[in-house]
């Protein structure tokens, strides 16, 4: 059993048996947590590709910047800004 699966099983036991949380509530919590993790990874990838969300003092890349001093980088596959 993987470490992640074992941790999930431990949380399931803790929440359902010790805290008395129903299985339906646990599934909702797990779904929200999984969706949040996916959204976080998607956001990080989007910011990396678009160059948004970087600090204003980030050095320029190829001399391209966006308003506010944010770095503007080209997409590695499409070469679009």
Protein backbone atom coordinates (compact mmCIF):
# COMPACT_ATOMS: atom_id res chain seq x y z
CA UNK A 1 0.00 0.00 0.00
CA UNK A 2 1.40 3.39 -0.95
CA UNK A 3 2.13 6.01 1.67
CA UNK A 4 -0.60 8.28 0.27
CA UNK A 5 -3.20 5.49 0.38
CA UNK A 6 -2.21 4.63 3.94
CA UNK A 7 -2.54 8.27 5.01
CA UNK A 8 -5.96 8.50 3.36
CA UNK A 9 -7.06 5.34 5.19
CA UNK A 10 -5.82 6.74 8.51
CA UNK A 11 -7.75 9.99 7.97
CA UNK A 12 -10.84 8.04 6.99
CA UNK A 13 -10.66 5.96 10.17
CA UNK A 14 -10.03 9.02 12.33
CA UNK A 15 -12.90 11.05 10.89
CA UNK A 16 -15.49 8.30 10.59
CA UNK A 17 -14.88 6.20 13.70
CA UNK A 18 -13.34 8.51 16.26
CA UNK A 19 -15.06 11.79 15.33
CA UNK A 20 -18.36 10.25 14.23
CA UNK A 21 -18.40 11.93 10.81
CA UNK A 22 -20.60 10.12 8.30
CA UNK A 23 -19.22 8.51 5.16
CA UNK A 24 -21.15 11.00 2.97
CA UNK A 25 -19.52 13.96 4.74
CA UNK A 26 -16.10 12.34 4.40
CA UNK A 27 -16.59 11.84 0.66
CA UNK A 28 -17.59 15.50 0.25
CA UNK A 29 -14.50 16.62 2.18
CA UNK A 30 -12.23 14.35 0.15
CA UNK A 31 -13.73 15.61 -3.14
CA UNK A 32 -13.27 19.26 -2.13
CA UNK A 33 -9.69 18.57 -1.04
CA UNK A 34 -8.88 16.72 -4.27
CA UNK A 35 -10.43 19.47 -6.40
CA UNK A 36 -8.47 22.11 -4.48
CA UNK A 37 -5.20 20.25 -5.07
CA UNK A 38 -5.97 19.92 -8.79
CA UNK A 39 -6.90 23.61 -9.05
CA UNK A 40 -3.72 24.59 -7.23
CA UNK A 41 -1.57 22.59 -9.68
CA UNK A 42 -3.51 24.03 -12.65
CA UNK A 43 -3.02 27.57 -11.32
CA UNK A 44 0.71 27.03 -10.84
CA UNK A 45 1.04 25.71 -14.40
CA UNK A 46 -0.99 28.63 -15.80
CA UNK A 47 1.13 31.16 -13.94
CA UNK A 48 4.32 29.47 -15.14
CA UNK A 49 3.22 29.44 -18.77
CA UNK A 50 1.75 32.95 -18.84
CA UNK A 51 4.27 34.57 -16.52
CA UNK A 52 1.46 36.06 -14.41
CA UNK A 53 1.65 36.24 -10.66
CA UNK A 54 5.39 36.82 -10.60
CA UNK A 55 6.93 39.45 -8.34
CA UNK A 56 7.48 42.87 -9.97
CA UNK A 57 11.22 42.70 -9.22
CA UNK A 58 11.59 39.52 -11.30
CA UNK A 59 14.23 40.08 -13.99
CA UNK A 60 13.08 40.58 -17.57
CA UNK A 61 13.13 37.60 -19.90
CA UNK A 62 14.08 38.45 -23.49
CA UNK A 63 13.31 42.09 -22.66
CA UNK A 64 9.55 41.48 -22.52
CA UNK A 65 7.47 42.80 -19.63
CA UNK A 66 3.80 43.29 -18.90
CA UNK A 67 2.20 46.35 -17.28
CA UNK A 68 3.26 46.60 -13.66
CA UNK A 69 6.66 45.09 -14.39
CA UNK A 70 5.49 41.47 -14.56
CA UNK A 71 7.50 39.19 -16.79
CA UNK A 72 5.88 38.21 -20.07
CA UNK A 73 7.16 34.92 -21.43
CA UNK A 74 6.34 33.04 -24.59
CA UNK A 75 4.57 29.68 -24.50
CA UNK A 76 7.21 27.00 -25.18
CA UNK A 77 5.10 25.18 -27.81
CA UNK A 78 3.08 27.90 -29.55
CA UNK A 79 5.60 30.75 -29.14
CA UNK A 80 2.69 33.06 -28.28
CA UNK A 81 2.85 35.66 -25.51
